[in-house]
Amino acid sequence: MEREISMRGRLTKVNREKRTAELNNFGDTLIELQFEENLSETMQRLATCFVKVIGIEQARPGNRFGPMKVREISVAWPSIDEFKAVEPKIFDPDRATSYYQHDDDDPVDIEEFIKVIYEARDR
C-alpha cells in the first residue's frame, strides 16, 4: 500500500550518489528520503534548510511505513534562529555565491576573492 504525504522539517544528510537524505521533523524523528536524479541538485542546494517535502511512502509489514520517495521539495520557511537575531540574515540558497580554488592553484588572491563577494551582492 502507498500513501501520499506532505511533511516539513530540516533537510539533512543529502547524499547525491545514493540519492538519499533525511528529514528531521522536529519530534526527534528522522524520516528517510529517497529521490530521483532530477532532484539531486535541488536536494543538495536545500541541504540544512527547512523544507516542505511531498512524496509517496510504502507500507511495510506491521503497518509501518518506510522511506519516503520525494516528488516535490521546496523551502518551507527560514530558520527560526535567524528571526531571533537583532538584524536577521536570511540565507537564500538561490543567491549564494561560491569561490572554488583547485589545490594546484596559486594561493588565494584576496582582491579577487573580495571582488567575487561584492559582485554577488550587486545581483
C-alpha atoms as a PDB file:
ATOM      1  CA  MET A   1       0.000   0.000   0.000  1.00  0.00           C
ATOM      2  CA  GLU A   2       1.205   3.504  -0.819  1.00  0.00           C
ATOM      3  CA  ARG A   3       0.153   6.848   0.549  1.00  0.00           C
ATOM      4  CA  GLU A   4       0.984  10.399  -0.481  1.00  0.00           C
ATOM      5  CA  ILE A   5       2.164  12.587   2.364  1.00  0.00           C
ATOM      6  CA  SER A   6       3.444  16.100   2.927  1.00  0.00           C
ATOM      7  CA  MET A   7       5.962  16.835   5.685  1.00  0.00           C
ATOM      8  CA  ARG A   8       8.047  19.762   6.877  1.00  0.00           C
ATOM      9  CA  GLY A   9      11.382  19.761   8.642  1.00  0.00           C
ATOM     10  CA  ARG A  10      15.109  20.329   8.324  1.00  0.00           C
ATOM     11  CA  LEU A  11      16.740  18.523   5.406  1.00  0.00           C
ATOM     12  CA  THR A  12      19.957  16.721   6.415  1.00  0.00           C
ATOM     13  CA  LYS A  13      22.439  14.086   5.219  1.00  0.00           C
ATOM     14  CA  VAL A  14      21.874  14.626   1.496  1.00  0.00           C
ATOM     15  CA  ASN A  15      23.825  12.011  -0.496  1.00  0.00           C
ATOM     16  CA  ARG A  16      23.664  12.670  -4.242  1.00  0.00           C
ATOM     17  CA  GLU A  17      25.367   9.380  -5.160  1.00  0.00           C
ATOM     18  CA  LYS A  18      22.924   7.194  -3.238  1.00  0.00           C
ATOM     19  CA  ARG A  19      20.078   9.694  -3.798  1.00  0.00           C
ATOM     20  CA  THR A  20      19.110   9.606  -0.130  1.00  0.00           C
ATOM     21  CA  ALA A  21      18.586  12.177   2.616  1.00  0.00           C
ATOM     22  CA  GLU A  22      16.927  12.582   5.997  1.00  0.00           C
ATOM     23  CA  LEU A  23      14.197  14.923   7.163  1.00  0.00           C
ATOM     24  CA  ASN A  24      14.143  15.930  10.834  1.00  0.00           C
ATOM     25  CA  ASN A  25      10.516  16.766  11.542  1.00  0.00           C
ATOM     26  CA  PHE A  26      11.117  18.316  14.993  1.00  0.00           C
ATOM     27  CA  GLY A  27       9.807  15.386  17.013  1.00  0.00           C
ATOM     28  CA  ASP A  28      13.294  13.875  17.097  1.00  0.00           C
ATOM     29  CA  THR A  29      12.015  11.701  14.273  1.00  0.00           C
ATOM     30  CA  LEU A  30      14.168  11.219  11.203  1.00  0.00           C
ATOM     31  CA  ILE A  31      12.331  10.326   8.036  1.00  0.00           C
ATOM     32  CA  GLU A  32      14.386   8.542   5.392  1.00  0.00           C
ATOM     33  CA  LEU A  33      14.078  10.151   1.967  1.00  0.00           C
ATOM     34  CA  GLN A  34      14.828   8.776  -1.490  1.00  0.00           C
ATOM     35  CA  PHE A  35      14.883  10.985  -4.572  1.00  0.00           C
ATOM     36  CA  GLU A  36      15.341  10.715  -8.326  1.00  0.00           C
ATOM     37  CA  GLU A  37      18.324  12.094 -10.239  1.00  0.00           C
ATOM     38  CA  ASN A  38      16.326  15.112 -11.449  1.00  0.00           C
ATOM     39  CA  LEU A  39      16.027  16.341  -7.825  1.00  0.00           C
ATOM     40  CA  SER A  40      19.725  15.881  -6.930  1.00  0.00           C
ATOM     41  CA  GLU A  41      20.751  19.486  -7.470  1.00  0.00           C
ATOM     42  CA  THR A  42      17.727  20.863  -5.623  1.00  0.00           C
ATOM     43  CA  MET A  43      18.246  18.489  -2.692  1.00  0.00           C
ATOM     44  CA  GLN A  44      21.913  19.496  -2.414  1.00  0.00           C
ATOM     45  CA  ARG A  45      21.047  23.199  -2.645  1.00  0.00           C
ATOM     46  CA  LEU A  46      18.424  22.924   0.108  1.00  0.00           C
ATOM     47  CA  ALA A  47      20.534  20.761   2.460  1.00  0.00           C
ATOM     48  CA  THR A  48      20.202  22.113   6.038  1.00  0.00           C
ATOM     49  CA  CYS A  49      17.191  24.312   5.091  1.00  0.00           C
ATOM     50  CA  PHE A  50      13.698  23.985   6.494  1.00  0.00           C
ATOM     51  CA  VAL A  51      11.745  22.382   3.667  1.00  0.00           C
ATOM     52  CA  LYS A  52       8.350  21.053   2.670  1.00  0.00           C
ATOM     53  CA  VAL A  53       8.504  17.604   1.065  1.00  0.00           C
ATOM     54  CA  ILE A  54       5.695  15.922  -0.853  1.00  0.00           C
ATOM     55  CA  GLY A  55       6.151  12.263  -1.650  1.00  0.00           C
ATOM     56  CA  ILE A  56       4.989   8.665  -1.504  1.00  0.00           C
ATOM     57  CA  GLU A  57       5.535   6.233   1.374  1.00  0.00           C
ATOM     58  CA  GLN A  58       5.425   2.446   1.014  1.00  0.00           C
ATOM     59  CA  ALA A  59       3.778   0.345   3.722  1.00  0.00           C
ATOM     60  CA  ARG A  60       5.981  -2.205   5.487  1.00  0.00           C
ATOM     61  CA  PRO A  61       4.957  -5.292   7.466  1.00  0.00           C
ATOM     62  CA  GLY A  62       3.384  -4.427  10.798  1.00  0.00           C
ATOM     63  CA  ASN A  63       1.586  -1.362   9.384  1.00  0.00           C
ATOM     64  CA  ARG A  64       4.810   0.690   9.461  1.00  0.00           C
ATOM     65  CA  PHE A  65       5.780   2.979   6.650  1.00  0.00           C
ATOM     66  CA  GLY A  66       9.195   3.004   5.018  1.00  0.00           C
ATOM     67  CA  PRO A  67      11.357   5.569   3.252  1.00  0.00           C
ATOM     68  CA  MET A  68       9.560   8.418   1.546  1.00  0.00           C
ATOM     69  CA  LYS A  69      10.060   8.809  -2.216  1.00  0.00           C
ATOM     70  CA  VAL A  70      10.309  12.555  -2.833  1.00  0.00           C
ATOM     71  CA  ARG A  71       8.202  14.003  -5.659  1.00  0.00           C
ATOM     72  CA  GLU A  72       8.497  17.705  -4.779  1.00  0.00           C
ATOM     73  CA  ILE A  73      10.605  19.765  -2.394  1.00  0.00           C
ATOM     74  CA  SER A  74      10.591  23.475  -1.597  1.00  0.00           C
ATOM     75  CA  VAL A  75      11.742  25.898   1.099  1.00  0.00           C
ATOM     76  CA  ALA A  76       9.150  25.909   3.880  1.00  0.00           C
ATOM     77  CA  TRP A  77      10.404  28.866   5.902  1.00  0.00           C
ATOM     78  CA  PRO A  78      13.703  30.388   7.023  1.00  0.00           C
ATOM     79  CA  SER A  79      15.394  29.078  10.147  1.00  0.00           C
ATOM     80  CA  ILE A  80      13.650  30.067  13.399  1.00  0.00           C
ATOM     81  CA  ASP A  81      17.020  31.083  14.905  1.00  0.00           C
ATOM     82  CA  GLU A  82      17.568  33.574  12.093  1.00  0.00           C
ATOM     83  CA  PHE A  83      14.491  35.528  13.178  1.00  0.00           C
ATOM     84  CA  LYS A  84      15.783  35.886  16.753  1.00  0.00           C
ATOM     85  CA  ALA A  85      18.802  37.928  15.668  1.00  0.00           C
ATOM     86  CA  VAL A  86      18.756  41.714  16.095  1.00  0.00           C
ATOM     87  CA  GLU A  87      19.448  42.057  12.370  1.00  0.00           C
ATOM     88  CA  PRO A  88      18.387  38.711  10.902  1.00  0.00           C
ATOM     89  CA  LYS A  89      20.341  37.422   7.928  1.00  0.00           C
ATOM     90  CA  ILE A  90      18.105  35.131   5.928  1.00  0.00           C
ATOM     91  CA  PHE A  91      20.002  32.548   3.870  1.00  0.00           C
ATOM     92  CA  ASP A  92      18.760  32.409   0.304  1.00  0.00           C
ATOM     93  CA  PRO A  93      20.238  29.360  -1.479  1.00  0.00           C
ATOM     94  CA  ASP A  94      19.371  30.898  -4.854  1.00  0.00           C
ATOM     95  CA  ARG A  95      21.636  33.884  -4.174  1.00  0.00           C
ATOM     96  CA  ALA A  96      24.564  32.009  -2.610  1.00  0.00           C
ATOM     97  CA  THR A  97      27.999  32.626  -4.104  1.00  0.00           C
ATOM     98  CA  SER A  98      30.911  30.239  -4.162  1.00  0.00           C
ATOM     99  CA  TYR A  99      34.596  30.711  -4.831  1.00  0.00           C
ATOM    100  CA  TYR A 100      36.418  27.494  -5.685  1.00  0.00           C
ATOM    101  CA  GLN A 101      40.155  27.074  -5.940  1.00  0.00           C
ATOM    102  CA  HIS A 102      41.983  23.956  -7.102  1.00  0.00           C
ATOM    103  CA  ASP A 103      44.745  22.564  -4.891  1.00  0.00           C
ATOM    104  CA  ASP A 104      47.357  23.181  -7.588  1.00  0.00           C
ATOM    105  CA  ASP A 105      46.425  26.880  -7.988  1.00  0.00           C
ATOM    106  CA  ASP A 106      48.432  29.734  -6.563  1.00  0.00           C
ATOM    107  CA  PRO A 107      47.489  30.959  -3.090  1.00  0.00           C
ATOM    108  CA  VAL A 108      44.137  32.735  -2.863  1.00  0.00           C
ATOM    109  CA  ASP A 109      44.153  36.193  -4.426  1.00  0.00           C
ATOM    110  CA  ILE A 110      42.401  38.192  -1.715  1.00  0.00           C
ATOM    111  CA  GLU A 111      41.461  41.001  -4.106  1.00  0.00           C
ATOM    112  CA  GLU A 112      39.819  38.503  -6.488  1.00  0.00           C
ATOM    113  CA  PHE A 113      38.001  36.843  -3.576  1.00  0.00           C
ATOM    114  CA  ILE A 114      36.645  40.191  -2.332  1.00  0.00           C
ATOM    115  CA  LYS A 115      35.625  41.116  -5.894  1.00  0.00           C
ATOM    116  CA  VAL A 116      33.531  37.924  -6.154  1.00  0.00           C
ATOM    117  CA  ILE A 117      31.735  38.802  -2.909  1.00  0.00           C
ATOM    118  CA  TYR A 118      30.950  42.372  -3.992  1.00  0.00           C
ATOM    119  CA  GLU A 119      29.734  41.247  -7.419  1.00  0.00           C
ATOM    120  CA  ALA A 120      27.392  38.744  -5.768  1.00  0.00           C
ATOM    121  CA  ARG A 121      25.944  41.465  -3.532  1.00  0.00           C
ATOM    122  CA  ASP A 122      25.129  43.573  -6.585  1.00  0.00           C
ATOM    123  CA  ARG A 123      22.988  40.799  -8.136  1.00  0.00           C
END
